Structures are given as C-alpha cells and as structure tokens.
C-alpha cells in the first residue's frame, strides 16, 4: 500500500487522465444539510483566510481518500476504484460546479 499526501487540486487537476470508479458496494450519496453546512463553512473560512504568502497559505484536512489502482486504458487514462471518500469528492465537485456557474453568470 502506498500513502500519498495530496491536495484537492491534485485530485481534480489530472487533465482527464484519471477516472474514479465507484465499486458496487459503495453506499448512495447520503450527506445532509448539516454535512453540507460544515463543508461550506470550512471552504468559506479558507477563502477568507490570509493568502498573501503561498508558503504559509491556509490548509484544510478534507479527510482520507482511499483509491485502488485498477489499470490503464490506452496510453494516458488511469482507472482507480474509489474505496473511501465518495461523499467528500462528490460534495467538492458540486461546490466547484456551483462556483463555476456563479462566476459565469
């Protein structure tokens, strides 16, 4: 098993070279308003933090995301089974999509 410290930017900035697959045993999306509120509050606190120096930029532990490498398709597309972290990745994706939509209005 290999452990790697990554940022959410690392996860979403693969340029389409990574695909996460949900195994059949994964539960359905189950976060409720209280979970979204905590996630949003954490994200907004990071947004409001002091970002003058990138070396001391604020950090937030999103939680552990566990993936298992499943193989490669073609020359560049890597498949990973998402074992743990589905709720957080889906919520982060939804927040980023909402911010993109808001910015484009």
N, C-alpha and C. Protein backbone atom coordinates (compact mmCIF):
# COMPACT_ATOMS: atom_id res chain seq x y z
N UNK A 1 0.85 -1.17 0.00
CA UNK A 1 0.00 0.00 0.00
C UNK A 1 0.89 1.24 0.00
N UNK A 2 0.54 2.18 -0.81
CA UNK A 2 1.29 3.44 -0.91
C UNK A 2 0.42 4.57 -0.38
N UNK A 3 0.98 5.38 0.50
CA UNK A 3 0.27 6.53 1.04
C UNK A 3 0.86 7.78 0.43
N UNK A 4 0.00 8.67 -0.03
CA UNK A 4 0.45 9.89 -0.69
C UNK A 4 -0.32 11.07 -0.16
N UNK A 5 0.37 12.11 0.20
CA UNK A 5 -0.26 13.35 0.66
C UNK A 5 -0.56 14.20 -0.57
N UNK A 6 -1.84 14.49 -0.79
CA UNK A 6 -2.24 15.25 -1.98
C UNK A 6 -3.21 16.34 -1.59
N UNK A 7 -3.41 17.27 -2.51
CA UNK A 7 -4.39 18.32 -2.31
C UNK A 7 -5.61 18.03 -3.17
N UNK A 8 -6.70 18.71 -2.89
CA UNK A 8 -7.90 18.55 -3.70
C UNK A 8 -7.61 19.00 -5.14
N UNK A 9 -6.70 19.95 -5.28
CA UNK A 9 -6.30 20.39 -6.61
C UNK A 9 -5.63 19.25 -7.37
N UNK A 10 -4.82 18.46 -6.67
CA UNK A 10 -4.17 17.31 -7.30
C UNK A 10 -5.21 16.31 -7.82
N UNK A 11 -6.26 16.12 -7.02
CA UNK A 11 -7.29 15.14 -7.39
C UNK A 11 -8.05 15.59 -8.63
N UNK A 12 -8.40 16.88 -8.69
CA UNK A 12 -9.24 17.36 -9.78
C UNK A 12 -8.46 17.93 -10.96
N UNK A 13 -7.16 18.00 -10.87
CA UNK A 13 -6.37 18.65 -11.91
C UNK A 13 -5.55 17.63 -12.70
N UNK A 14 -6.16 16.51 -13.06
CA UNK A 14 -5.42 15.47 -13.78
C UNK A 14 -5.48 15.66 -15.29
N UNK A 15 -6.24 16.64 -15.74
CA UNK A 15 -6.36 16.86 -17.18
C UNK A 15 -7.08 15.72 -17.89
N UNK A 16 -7.96 15.05 -17.16
CA UNK A 16 -8.71 13.95 -17.75
C UNK A 16 -7.95 12.64 -17.83
N UNK A 17 -6.83 12.55 -17.12
CA UNK A 17 -6.02 11.35 -17.18
C UNK A 17 -6.36 10.34 -16.08
N UNK A 18 -7.26 10.72 -15.18
CA UNK A 18 -7.67 9.83 -14.09
C UNK A 18 -9.18 9.71 -14.10
N UNK A 19 -9.65 8.50 -13.92
CA UNK A 19 -11.09 8.27 -13.77
C UNK A 19 -11.30 7.45 -12.50
N UNK A 20 -12.20 7.95 -11.65
CA UNK A 20 -12.54 7.24 -10.43
C UNK A 20 -13.80 6.42 -10.68
N UNK A 21 -13.77 5.19 -10.26
CA UNK A 21 -14.93 4.31 -10.41
C UNK A 21 -15.43 3.92 -9.04
N UNK A 22 -16.75 3.91 -8.90
CA UNK A 22 -17.34 3.52 -7.63
C UNK A 22 -17.65 2.03 -7.64
N UNK A 23 -17.15 1.31 -6.65
CA UNK A 23 -17.48 -0.11 -6.58
C UNK A 23 -18.96 -0.31 -6.24
N UNK A 24 -19.49 -1.44 -6.56
CA UNK A 24 -20.91 -1.72 -6.34
C UNK A 24 -21.29 -1.65 -4.87
N UNK A 25 -20.36 -1.91 -3.97
CA UNK A 25 -20.69 -1.92 -2.55
C UNK A 25 -20.77 -0.52 -1.93
N UNK A 26 -20.40 0.52 -2.68
CA UNK A 26 -20.46 1.88 -2.13
C UNK A 26 -21.91 2.26 -1.86
N UNK A 27 -22.11 2.92 -0.75
CA UNK A 27 -23.46 3.40 -0.43
C UNK A 27 -23.81 4.59 -1.31
N UNK A 28 -25.09 4.89 -1.39
CA UNK A 28 -25.54 6.04 -2.15
C UNK A 28 -25.13 7.32 -1.42
N UNK A 29 -25.17 8.42 -2.15
CA UNK A 29 -24.84 9.71 -1.55
C UNK A 29 -25.79 9.97 -0.39
N UNK A 30 -25.23 10.26 0.78
CA UNK A 30 -26.07 10.34 1.98
C UNK A 30 -25.87 11.63 2.78
N UNK A 31 -25.06 12.55 2.29
CA UNK A 31 -24.85 13.77 3.07
C UNK A 31 -26.15 14.56 3.15
N UNK A 32 -26.32 15.19 4.29
CA UNK A 32 -27.50 16.03 4.54
C UNK A 32 -27.05 17.47 4.76
N UNK A 33 -28.01 18.34 5.00
CA UNK A 33 -27.73 19.78 5.13
C UNK A 33 -26.64 20.07 6.16
N UNK A 34 -26.65 19.38 7.29
CA UNK A 34 -25.64 19.66 8.33
C UNK A 34 -24.23 19.35 7.82
N UNK A 35 -24.09 18.29 7.00
CA UNK A 35 -22.79 17.97 6.42
C UNK A 35 -22.36 19.03 5.41
N UNK A 36 -23.32 19.45 4.57
CA UNK A 36 -23.02 20.49 3.58
C UNK A 36 -22.63 21.80 4.26
N UNK A 37 -23.35 22.14 5.34
CA UNK A 37 -23.06 23.38 6.07
C UNK A 37 -21.64 23.37 6.62
N UNK A 38 -21.22 22.26 7.22
CA UNK A 38 -19.86 22.17 7.76
C UNK A 38 -18.83 22.28 6.63
N UNK A 39 -19.09 21.59 5.53
CA UNK A 39 -18.17 21.63 4.39
C UNK A 39 -18.07 23.05 3.84
N UNK A 40 -19.21 23.70 3.67
CA UNK A 40 -19.23 25.07 3.15
C UNK A 40 -18.53 26.02 4.11
N UNK A 41 -18.80 25.91 5.41
CA UNK A 41 -18.15 26.77 6.40
C UNK A 41 -16.64 26.62 6.36
N UNK A 42 -16.16 25.39 6.23
CA UNK A 42 -14.71 25.16 6.13
C UNK A 42 -14.14 25.79 4.87
N UNK A 43 -14.84 25.61 3.74
CA UNK A 43 -14.37 26.18 2.47
C UNK A 43 -14.38 27.71 2.53
N UNK A 44 -15.42 28.29 3.11
CA UNK A 44 -15.51 29.75 3.19
C UNK A 44 -14.45 30.31 4.13
N UNK A 45 -14.13 29.60 5.21
CA UNK A 45 -13.06 30.03 6.12
C UNK A 45 -11.72 30.05 5.39
N UNK A 46 -11.48 29.08 4.53
CA UNK A 46 -10.25 29.09 3.73
C UNK A 46 -10.23 30.27 2.76
N UNK A 47 -11.38 30.54 2.17
CA UNK A 47 -11.49 31.66 1.24
C UNK A 47 -11.17 32.98 1.93
N UNK A 48 -11.64 33.16 3.17
CA UNK A 48 -11.45 34.41 3.89
C UNK A 48 -10.08 34.51 4.56
N UNK A 49 -9.32 33.44 4.60
CA UNK A 49 -8.03 33.43 5.29
C UNK A 49 -7.00 34.28 4.56
N UNK A 50 -5.89 34.54 5.23
CA UNK A 50 -4.80 35.33 4.68
C UNK A 50 -4.01 34.50 3.67
N UNK A 51 -4.02 34.93 2.42
CA UNK A 51 -3.35 34.20 1.35
C UNK A 51 -2.17 34.96 0.77
N UNK A 52 -1.60 35.90 1.53
CA UNK A 52 -0.52 36.74 0.99
C UNK A 52 0.72 35.93 0.63
N UNK A 53 1.06 34.97 1.45
CA UNK A 53 2.26 34.18 1.22
C UNK A 53 1.85 32.74 0.90
N UNK A 54 2.17 32.26 -0.29
CA UNK A 54 1.72 30.93 -0.69
C UNK A 54 2.36 29.83 0.17
N UNK A 55 3.55 30.09 0.73
CA UNK A 55 4.18 29.09 1.59
C UNK A 55 3.42 28.90 2.90
N UNK A 56 2.77 29.95 3.35
CA UNK A 56 2.02 29.84 4.61
C UNK A 56 0.51 29.89 4.35
N UNK A 57 0.11 29.56 3.14
CA UNK A 57 -1.32 29.56 2.81
C UNK A 57 -2.05 28.58 3.72
N UNK A 58 -3.27 28.89 4.07
CA UNK A 58 -4.01 28.01 4.98
C UNK A 58 -4.26 26.64 4.37
N UNK A 59 -4.27 25.65 5.22
CA UNK A 59 -4.52 24.28 4.79
C UNK A 59 -5.76 23.76 5.50
N UNK A 60 -6.42 22.81 4.87
CA UNK A 60 -7.58 22.18 5.47
C UNK A 60 -7.52 20.69 5.17
N UNK A 61 -7.69 19.88 6.20
CA UNK A 61 -7.69 18.43 6.01
C UNK A 61 -9.09 18.00 5.60
N UNK A 62 -9.25 17.62 4.35
CA UNK A 62 -10.54 17.21 3.82
C UNK A 62 -10.91 15.80 4.28
N UNK A 63 -9.94 15.04 4.63
CA UNK A 63 -10.17 13.66 5.06
C UNK A 63 -9.39 12.73 4.15
N UNK A 64 -9.38 11.50 4.55
CA UNK A 64 -8.66 10.50 3.78
C UNK A 64 -9.49 10.04 2.60
N UNK A 65 -8.85 9.95 1.47
CA UNK A 65 -9.48 9.40 0.27
C UNK A 65 -8.67 8.17 -0.11
N UNK A 66 -9.34 7.05 -0.17
CA UNK A 66 -8.68 5.78 -0.45
C UNK A 66 -9.07 5.32 -1.85
N UNK A 67 -8.07 5.10 -2.67
CA UNK A 67 -8.30 4.60 -4.02
C UNK A 67 -7.41 3.39 -4.26
N UNK A 68 -7.83 2.56 -5.18
CA UNK A 68 -7.04 1.39 -5.57
C UNK A 68 -6.85 1.43 -7.08
N UNK A 69 -5.61 1.40 -7.50
CA UNK A 69 -5.31 1.43 -8.93
C UNK A 69 -5.89 0.18 -9.58
N UNK A 70 -6.62 0.38 -10.69
CA UNK A 70 -7.24 -0.75 -11.38
C UNK A 70 -6.66 -1.01 -12.76
N UNK A 71 -5.96 -0.04 -13.30
CA UNK A 71 -5.37 -0.29 -14.61
C UNK A 71 -5.38 0.95 -15.49
N UNK A 72 -4.96 0.73 -16.70
CA UNK A 72 -4.79 1.81 -17.66
C UNK A 72 -5.60 1.51 -18.91
N UNK A 73 -6.15 2.55 -19.50
CA UNK A 73 -6.83 2.43 -20.79
C UNK A 73 -6.08 3.30 -21.78
N UNK A 74 -5.61 2.73 -22.81
CA UNK A 74 -4.82 3.50 -23.77
C UNK A 74 -3.49 3.89 -23.16
N UNK A 75 -2.98 5.02 -23.60
CA UNK A 75 -1.68 5.47 -23.12
C UNK A 75 -1.75 6.35 -21.88
N UNK A 76 -2.91 6.99 -21.66
CA UNK A 76 -2.91 8.01 -20.61
C UNK A 76 -4.00 7.90 -19.55
N UNK A 77 -5.08 7.18 -19.78
CA UNK A 77 -6.20 7.17 -18.84
C UNK A 77 -6.00 6.09 -17.78
N UNK A 78 -5.89 6.51 -16.52
CA UNK A 78 -5.72 5.60 -15.40
C UNK A 78 -7.04 5.45 -14.65
N UNK A 79 -7.40 4.21 -14.32
CA UNK A 79 -8.62 3.93 -13.58
C UNK A 79 -8.28 3.63 -12.12
N UNK A 80 -9.06 4.23 -11.22
CA UNK A 80 -8.91 3.98 -9.80
C UNK A 80 -10.27 3.65 -9.20
N UNK A 81 -10.31 2.64 -8.37
CA UNK A 81 -11.53 2.32 -7.63
C UNK A 81 -11.55 3.22 -6.39
N UNK A 82 -12.64 3.95 -6.20
CA UNK A 82 -12.79 4.84 -5.05
C UNK A 82 -13.35 4.04 -3.89
N UNK A 83 -12.49 3.71 -2.93
CA UNK A 83 -12.86 2.87 -1.81
C UNK A 83 -13.45 3.69 -0.68
N UNK A 84 -12.87 4.86 -0.41
CA UNK A 84 -13.38 5.73 0.66
C UNK A 84 -13.18 7.18 0.25
N UNK A 85 -14.18 8.02 0.52
CA UNK A 85 -14.09 9.43 0.21
C UNK A 85 -15.13 9.89 -0.80
N UNK A 86 -16.03 8.99 -1.17
CA UNK A 86 -17.03 9.30 -2.18
C UNK A 86 -17.85 10.54 -1.81
N UNK A 87 -18.34 10.61 -0.58
CA UNK A 87 -19.21 11.71 -0.17
C UNK A 87 -18.47 13.05 -0.29
N UNK A 88 -17.21 13.07 0.16
CA UNK A 88 -16.42 14.31 0.12
C UNK A 88 -16.07 14.72 -1.30
N UNK A 89 -15.71 13.76 -2.15
CA UNK A 89 -15.37 14.11 -3.53
C UNK A 89 -16.59 14.60 -4.31
N UNK A 90 -17.73 13.96 -4.10
CA UNK A 90 -18.94 14.40 -4.78
C UNK A 90 -19.31 15.80 -4.31
N UNK A 91 -19.26 16.05 -3.01
CA UNK A 91 -19.62 17.36 -2.48
C UNK A 91 -18.65 18.43 -2.98
N UNK A 92 -17.36 18.13 -2.99
CA UNK A 92 -16.38 19.09 -3.51
C UNK A 92 -16.66 19.37 -4.99
N UNK A 93 -16.99 18.35 -5.75
CA UNK A 93 -17.31 18.54 -7.16
C UNK A 93 -18.53 19.43 -7.34
N UNK A 94 -19.55 19.19 -6.54
CA UNK A 94 -20.76 20.01 -6.63
C UNK A 94 -20.48 21.46 -6.26
N UNK A 95 -19.69 21.68 -5.23
CA UNK A 95 -19.34 23.05 -4.83
C UNK A 95 -18.56 23.75 -5.94
N UNK A 96 -17.60 23.07 -6.52
CA UNK A 96 -16.81 23.67 -7.61
C UNK A 96 -17.68 23.98 -8.83
N UNK A 97 -18.61 23.09 -9.14
CA UNK A 97 -19.53 23.33 -10.26
C UNK A 97 -20.42 24.53 -9.98
N UNK A 98 -20.90 24.65 -8.74
CA UNK A 98 -21.74 25.78 -8.38
C UNK A 98 -20.97 27.10 -8.46
N UNK A 99 -19.72 27.08 -7.99
CA UNK A 99 -18.90 28.30 -8.07
C UNK A 99 -18.60 28.67 -9.52
N UNK A 100 -18.35 27.68 -10.36
CA UNK A 100 -18.11 27.95 -11.78
C UNK A 100 -19.36 28.55 -12.43
N UNK A 101 -20.53 28.01 -12.12
CA UNK A 101 -21.77 28.51 -12.68
C UNK A 101 -22.04 29.93 -12.20
N UNK A 102 -21.76 30.19 -10.93
CA UNK A 102 -21.98 31.51 -10.37
C UNK A 102 -21.03 32.53 -11.03
N UNK A 103 -19.79 32.13 -11.24
CA UNK A 103 -18.79 33.01 -11.86
C UNK A 103 -19.19 33.36 -13.30
N UNK A 104 -19.78 32.41 -14.00
CA UNK A 104 -20.12 32.60 -15.41
C UNK A 104 -21.42 33.34 -15.64
N UNK A 105 -22.10 33.72 -14.59
CA UNK A 105 -23.36 34.48 -14.76
C UNK A 105 -23.10 35.93 -15.09
